[in-house]
Amino acid sequence: MSACLFCQIVNRTIQATIVHENEHVLAFQDIHPQAPVHVLVIPKHHVASVQELERGDVGLVGHLLQACVKLAKEKGISESGYRIVTNSGPHAGQTVFHLHFHLLGGRPMTWPPG
């Protein structure tokens, strides 16, 4: 989807500070961080939201979560704790309709989150 902001980051038509990439996943710094560590982890192919995942995407979700765990270790937040968040739909706060996980850490998190 050429109009999708995150697809444009995957295709390198929009710049981002990329912190991890493999054949399935791209991760980059959030431009409006909500914590000292705030990384967005996305699939390289377009999926609009978690709601749009299909049975065949089970492996993709594993790749996304493995990338989150790897980045938490690299960013030094795996021992103190971190949060992985995904939003599905406008009422949940999703503003970019390309599946993405927010990896947040580096400070205490509160509950409820929003």
N, C-alpha and C. Protein backbone atom coordinates (compact mmCIF):
# COMPACT_ATOMS: atom_id res chain seq x y z
N MET A 1 0.85 -1.19 0.00
CA MET A 1 0.00 0.00 0.00
C MET A 1 0.88 1.24 0.00
N SER A 2 0.94 1.90 -1.12
CA SER A 2 1.86 3.03 -1.27
C SER A 2 1.49 4.22 -0.39
N ALA A 3 0.23 4.36 0.00
CA ALA A 3 -0.17 5.50 0.83
C ALA A 3 0.08 5.26 2.32
N CYS A 4 0.35 4.04 2.71
CA CYS A 4 0.57 3.71 4.12
C CYS A 4 1.92 4.25 4.58
N LEU A 5 1.89 5.03 5.66
CA LEU A 5 3.11 5.63 6.20
C LEU A 5 4.16 4.57 6.53
N PHE A 6 3.77 3.49 7.20
CA PHE A 6 4.75 2.48 7.59
C PHE A 6 5.25 1.68 6.39
N CYS A 7 4.40 1.46 5.39
CA CYS A 7 4.87 0.81 4.16
C CYS A 7 5.92 1.69 3.47
N GLN A 8 5.74 2.99 3.54
CA GLN A 8 6.72 3.90 2.96
C GLN A 8 8.04 3.85 3.72
N ILE A 9 7.98 3.64 5.02
CA ILE A 9 9.22 3.47 5.80
C ILE A 9 9.89 2.16 5.41
N VAL A 10 9.12 1.09 5.26
CA VAL A 10 9.68 -0.19 4.82
C VAL A 10 10.34 -0.03 3.46
N ASN A 11 9.71 0.71 2.56
CA ASN A 11 10.22 0.91 1.19
C ASN A 11 11.29 2.00 1.10
N ARG A 12 11.58 2.63 2.24
CA ARG A 12 12.62 3.68 2.33
C ARG A 12 12.27 4.94 1.55
N THR A 13 10.99 5.20 1.33
CA THR A 13 10.60 6.47 0.72
C THR A 13 10.38 7.54 1.79
N ILE A 14 10.26 7.12 3.04
CA ILE A 14 10.22 8.01 4.19
C ILE A 14 11.31 7.54 5.15
N GLN A 15 12.06 8.50 5.69
CA GLN A 15 13.16 8.16 6.60
C GLN A 15 12.65 7.82 7.99
N ALA A 16 13.37 6.93 8.64
CA ALA A 16 13.12 6.58 10.04
C ALA A 16 14.45 6.12 10.63
N THR A 17 14.55 6.20 11.94
CA THR A 17 15.73 5.69 12.62
C THR A 17 15.50 4.21 12.89
N ILE A 18 16.01 3.39 11.99
CA ILE A 18 15.80 1.94 12.05
C ILE A 18 16.77 1.34 13.06
N VAL A 19 16.23 0.50 13.94
CA VAL A 19 17.05 -0.13 14.98
C VAL A 19 17.13 -1.64 14.83
N HIS A 20 16.30 -2.21 13.96
CA HIS A 20 16.32 -3.67 13.73
C HIS A 20 15.61 -3.95 12.42
N GLU A 21 16.15 -4.94 11.69
CA GLU A 21 15.49 -5.37 10.47
C GLU A 21 15.90 -6.80 10.17
N ASN A 22 14.92 -7.58 9.72
CA ASN A 22 15.18 -8.89 9.15
C ASN A 22 14.20 -9.08 8.01
N GLU A 23 14.07 -10.29 7.49
CA GLU A 23 13.23 -10.48 6.31
C GLU A 23 11.74 -10.26 6.59
N HIS A 24 11.32 -10.35 7.86
CA HIS A 24 9.91 -10.24 8.21
C HIS A 24 9.53 -8.95 8.92
N VAL A 25 10.48 -8.34 9.62
CA VAL A 25 10.19 -7.30 10.60
C VAL A 25 11.10 -6.09 10.39
N LEU A 26 10.54 -4.91 10.66
CA LEU A 26 11.32 -3.68 10.70
C LEU A 26 10.98 -2.98 12.01
N ALA A 27 11.97 -2.44 12.69
CA ALA A 27 11.74 -1.71 13.93
C ALA A 27 12.46 -0.38 13.86
N PHE A 28 11.78 0.66 14.36
CA PHE A 28 12.35 2.01 14.30
C PHE A 28 11.88 2.82 15.50
N GLN A 29 12.63 3.88 15.78
CA GLN A 29 12.32 4.76 16.90
C GLN A 29 11.01 5.51 16.62
N ASP A 30 10.16 5.61 17.63
CA ASP A 30 8.94 6.40 17.51
C ASP A 30 9.33 7.88 17.48
N ILE A 31 8.69 8.66 16.61
CA ILE A 31 9.06 10.09 16.50
C ILE A 31 8.44 10.93 17.63
N HIS A 32 7.50 10.36 18.37
CA HIS A 32 6.91 11.03 19.54
C HIS A 32 6.98 10.08 20.73
N PRO A 33 8.20 9.83 21.23
CA PRO A 33 8.35 8.80 22.27
C PRO A 33 7.57 9.12 23.54
N GLN A 34 6.97 8.07 24.10
CA GLN A 34 6.21 8.17 25.34
C GLN A 34 6.97 7.59 26.53
N ALA A 35 8.19 7.15 26.29
CA ALA A 35 9.06 6.59 27.32
C ALA A 35 10.49 6.73 26.81
N PRO A 36 11.49 6.60 27.70
CA PRO A 36 12.88 6.68 27.24
C PRO A 36 13.19 5.70 26.11
N VAL A 37 12.60 4.51 26.15
CA VAL A 37 12.68 3.57 25.04
C VAL A 37 11.28 3.47 24.44
N HIS A 38 11.15 3.83 23.19
CA HIS A 38 9.87 3.71 22.48
C HIS A 38 10.17 3.36 21.03
N VAL A 39 10.04 2.09 20.74
CA VAL A 39 10.35 1.55 19.41
C VAL A 39 9.06 0.97 18.83
N LEU A 40 8.85 1.19 17.54
CA LEU A 40 7.74 0.58 16.82
C LEU A 40 8.26 -0.62 16.05
N VAL A 41 7.59 -1.75 16.20
CA VAL A 41 7.99 -2.99 15.56
C VAL A 41 6.85 -3.39 14.61
N ILE A 42 7.16 -3.49 13.31
CA ILE A 42 6.12 -3.69 12.31
C ILE A 42 6.47 -4.86 11.38
N PRO A 43 5.45 -5.49 10.80
CA PRO A 43 5.73 -6.46 9.75
C PRO A 43 6.11 -5.71 8.47
N LYS A 44 6.95 -6.32 7.68
CA LYS A 44 7.38 -5.68 6.43
C LYS A 44 6.30 -5.72 5.36
N HIS A 45 5.35 -6.63 5.48
CA HIS A 45 4.23 -6.59 4.55
C HIS A 45 3.02 -6.00 5.26
N HIS A 46 2.15 -5.40 4.50
CA HIS A 46 1.04 -4.65 5.08
C HIS A 46 -0.03 -5.55 5.67
N VAL A 47 -0.31 -5.33 6.93
CA VAL A 47 -1.46 -5.87 7.65
C VAL A 47 -2.02 -4.66 8.39
N ALA A 48 -3.31 -4.37 8.23
CA ALA A 48 -3.87 -3.12 8.77
C ALA A 48 -3.86 -3.07 10.30
N SER A 49 -4.16 -4.18 10.95
CA SER A 49 -4.20 -4.19 12.42
C SER A 49 -4.19 -5.64 12.89
N VAL A 50 -4.14 -5.81 14.19
CA VAL A 50 -4.18 -7.16 14.75
C VAL A 50 -5.49 -7.84 14.37
N GLN A 51 -6.54 -7.07 14.20
CA GLN A 51 -7.84 -7.59 13.81
C GLN A 51 -7.81 -8.25 12.43
N GLU A 52 -6.88 -7.83 11.58
CA GLU A 52 -6.80 -8.33 10.22
C GLU A 52 -5.89 -9.56 10.08
N LEU A 53 -5.25 -9.98 11.17
CA LEU A 53 -4.39 -11.16 11.10
C LEU A 53 -5.19 -12.38 10.71
N GLU A 54 -4.56 -13.23 9.93
CA GLU A 54 -5.20 -14.47 9.50
C GLU A 54 -4.46 -15.66 10.09
N ARG A 55 -5.04 -16.84 9.96
CA ARG A 55 -4.45 -18.06 10.52
C ARG A 55 -2.99 -18.24 10.10
N GLY A 56 -2.67 -17.90 8.87
CA GLY A 56 -1.32 -18.05 8.36
C GLY A 56 -0.32 -17.04 8.90
N ASP A 57 -0.80 -16.07 9.67
CA ASP A 57 0.08 -15.02 10.22
C ASP A 57 0.62 -15.35 11.61
N VAL A 58 0.35 -16.55 12.10
CA VAL A 58 0.82 -16.93 13.44
C VAL A 58 2.34 -16.79 13.53
N GLY A 59 3.05 -17.24 12.53
CA GLY A 59 4.50 -17.12 12.52
C GLY A 59 4.96 -15.67 12.52
N LEU A 60 4.24 -14.82 11.79
CA LEU A 60 4.58 -13.40 11.75
C LEU A 60 4.50 -12.77 13.13
N VAL A 61 3.46 -13.10 13.87
CA VAL A 61 3.32 -12.56 15.23
C VAL A 61 4.50 -13.01 16.09
N GLY A 62 4.93 -14.24 15.92
CA GLY A 62 6.11 -14.71 16.64
C GLY A 62 7.35 -13.91 16.29
N HIS A 63 7.54 -13.60 15.01
CA HIS A 63 8.69 -12.80 14.59
C HIS A 63 8.63 -11.40 15.21
N LEU A 64 7.44 -10.82 15.25
CA LEU A 64 7.29 -9.49 15.84
C LEU A 64 7.63 -9.51 17.32
N LEU A 65 7.12 -10.50 18.04
CA LEU A 65 7.39 -10.57 19.48
C LEU A 65 8.85 -10.90 19.76
N GLN A 66 9.46 -11.78 18.95
CA GLN A 66 10.89 -12.06 19.13
C GLN A 66 11.72 -10.80 18.93
N ALA A 67 11.34 -9.97 17.97
CA ALA A 67 12.06 -8.71 17.75
C ALA A 67 11.91 -7.80 18.95
N CYS A 68 10.72 -7.76 19.55
CA CYS A 68 10.52 -6.94 20.75
C CYS A 68 11.43 -7.39 21.89
N VAL A 69 11.50 -8.70 22.11
CA VAL A 69 12.34 -9.24 23.18
C VAL A 69 13.82 -8.94 22.91
N LYS A 70 14.25 -9.13 21.68
CA LYS A 70 15.64 -8.84 21.30
C LYS A 70 15.97 -7.37 21.54
N LEU A 71 15.08 -6.49 21.13
CA LEU A 71 15.31 -5.05 21.30
C LEU A 71 15.28 -4.65 22.77
N ALA A 72 14.41 -5.26 23.57
CA ALA A 72 14.38 -4.96 25.01
C ALA A 72 15.73 -5.29 25.65
N LYS A 73 16.32 -6.42 25.24
CA LYS A 73 17.65 -6.78 25.76
C LYS A 73 18.69 -5.77 25.30
N GLU A 74 18.68 -5.44 24.00
CA GLU A 74 19.66 -4.50 23.46
C GLU A 74 19.54 -3.11 24.07
N LYS A 75 18.33 -2.69 24.39
CA LYS A 75 18.09 -1.36 24.94
C LYS A 75 18.26 -1.32 26.46
N GLY A 76 18.54 -2.49 27.06
CA GLY A 76 18.81 -2.54 28.50
C GLY A 76 17.57 -2.45 29.38
N ILE A 77 16.41 -2.85 28.86
CA ILE A 77 15.19 -2.77 29.66
C ILE A 77 14.59 -4.13 29.98
N SER A 78 15.26 -5.19 29.57
CA SER A 78 14.67 -6.52 29.77
C SER A 78 14.61 -6.92 31.25
N GLU A 79 15.54 -6.49 32.05
CA GLU A 79 15.54 -6.85 33.46
C GLU A 79 14.58 -5.99 34.28
N SER A 80 14.51 -4.70 33.99
CA SER A 80 13.64 -3.81 34.76
C SER A 80 12.18 -3.91 34.34
N GLY A 81 11.95 -4.32 33.11
CA GLY A 81 10.59 -4.51 32.62
C GLY A 81 10.25 -3.56 31.49
N TYR A 82 9.30 -3.97 30.70
CA TYR A 82 8.87 -3.19 29.54
C TYR A 82 7.45 -3.56 29.19
N ARG A 83 6.87 -2.78 28.32
CA ARG A 83 5.50 -3.01 27.87
C ARG A 83 5.49 -3.15 26.36
N ILE A 84 4.69 -4.08 25.87
CA ILE A 84 4.44 -4.24 24.43
C ILE A 84 2.96 -3.96 24.23
N VAL A 85 2.64 -2.99 23.36
CA VAL A 85 1.27 -2.56 23.15
C VAL A 85 0.95 -2.55 21.67
N THR A 86 -0.25 -3.00 21.33
CA THR A 86 -0.77 -2.79 19.98
C THR A 86 -2.19 -2.27 20.12
N ASN A 87 -2.56 -1.36 19.25
CA ASN A 87 -3.90 -0.79 19.23
C ASN A 87 -4.62 -1.29 17.99
N SER A 88 -5.91 -1.55 18.11
CA SER A 88 -6.69 -2.02 16.97
C SER A 88 -7.92 -1.15 16.82
N GLY A 89 -7.89 -0.27 15.84
CA GLY A 89 -9.03 0.59 15.55
C GLY A 89 -8.94 1.95 16.20
N PRO A 90 -9.72 2.88 15.71
CA PRO A 90 -9.65 4.27 16.18
C PRO A 90 -9.99 4.45 17.66
N HIS A 91 -10.94 3.69 18.20
CA HIS A 91 -11.28 3.87 19.62
C HIS A 91 -10.17 3.38 20.53
N ALA A 92 -9.30 2.53 20.02
CA ALA A 92 -8.15 2.06 20.80
C ALA A 92 -6.96 3.00 20.66
N GLY A 93 -7.06 3.98 19.77
CA GLY A 93 -5.97 4.93 19.57
C GLY A 93 -5.09 4.63 18.37
N GLN A 94 -5.49 3.66 17.54
CA GLN A 94 -4.67 3.38 16.34
C GLN A 94 -4.81 4.53 15.36
N THR A 95 -3.68 5.11 14.98
CA THR A 95 -3.68 6.23 14.03
C THR A 95 -3.02 5.88 12.72
N VAL A 96 -2.12 4.88 12.73
CA VAL A 96 -1.52 4.39 11.50
C VAL A 96 -2.04 2.96 11.32
N PHE A 97 -2.75 2.73 10.23
CA PHE A 97 -3.41 1.45 10.03
C PHE A 97 -2.51 0.46 9.30
N HIS A 98 -1.41 0.16 9.99
CA HIS A 98 -0.44 -0.88 9.64
C HIS A 98 -0.08 -1.49 10.99
N LEU A 99 -0.28 -2.77 11.15
CA LEU A 99 -0.02 -3.43 12.42
C LEU A 99 1.33 -3.01 12.98
N HIS A 100 1.35 -2.64 14.24
CA HIS A 100 2.62 -2.30 14.89
C HIS A 100 2.51 -2.52 16.39
N PHE A 101 3.63 -2.94 16.95
CA PHE A 101 3.76 -3.07 18.39
C PHE A 101 4.63 -1.93 18.89
N HIS A 102 4.20 -1.31 19.97
CA HIS A 102 5.00 -0.30 20.67
C HIS A 102 5.79 -1.04 21.74
N LEU A 103 7.10 -0.93 21.71
CA LEU A 103 7.95 -1.43 22.78
C LEU A 103 8.31 -0.22 23.63
N LEU A 104 7.84 -0.22 24.88
CA LEU A 104 8.02 0.92 25.78
C LEU A 104 8.75 0.49 27.04
N GLY A 105 9.71 1.28 27.48
CA GLY A 105 10.42 0.97 28.71
C GLY A 105 11.36 2.08 29.10
N GLY A 106 12.09 1.81 30.16
CA GLY A 106 13.06 2.79 30.65
C GLY A 106 12.50 3.69 31.73
N ARG A 107 11.26 3.45 32.14
CA ARG A 107 10.64 4.17 33.25
C ARG A 107 9.52 3.30 33.81
N PRO A 108 9.10 3.56 35.06
CA PRO A 108 7.96 2.80 35.59
C PRO A 108 6.69 3.08 34.78
N MET A 109 5.91 2.06 34.54
CA MET A 109 4.65 2.17 33.81
C MET A 109 3.51 2.14 34.82
N THR A 110 2.45 2.85 34.52
CA THR A 110 1.28 2.86 35.40
C THR A 110 0.14 2.06 34.77
N TRP A 111 -0.86 1.76 35.58
CA TRP A 111 -2.03 1.05 35.09
C TRP A 111 -3.26 1.66 35.72
N PRO A 112 -4.32 1.89 35.04
CA PRO A 112 -4.53 1.57 33.64
C PRO A 112 -3.78 2.55 32.73
N PRO A 113 -3.47 2.11 31.51
CA PRO A 113 -2.63 2.91 30.64
C PRO A 113 -3.33 4.08 29.96
N GLY A 114 -4.65 4.09 29.83
CA GLY A 114 -5.23 5.19 29.07
C GLY A 114 -6.62 5.53 29.34
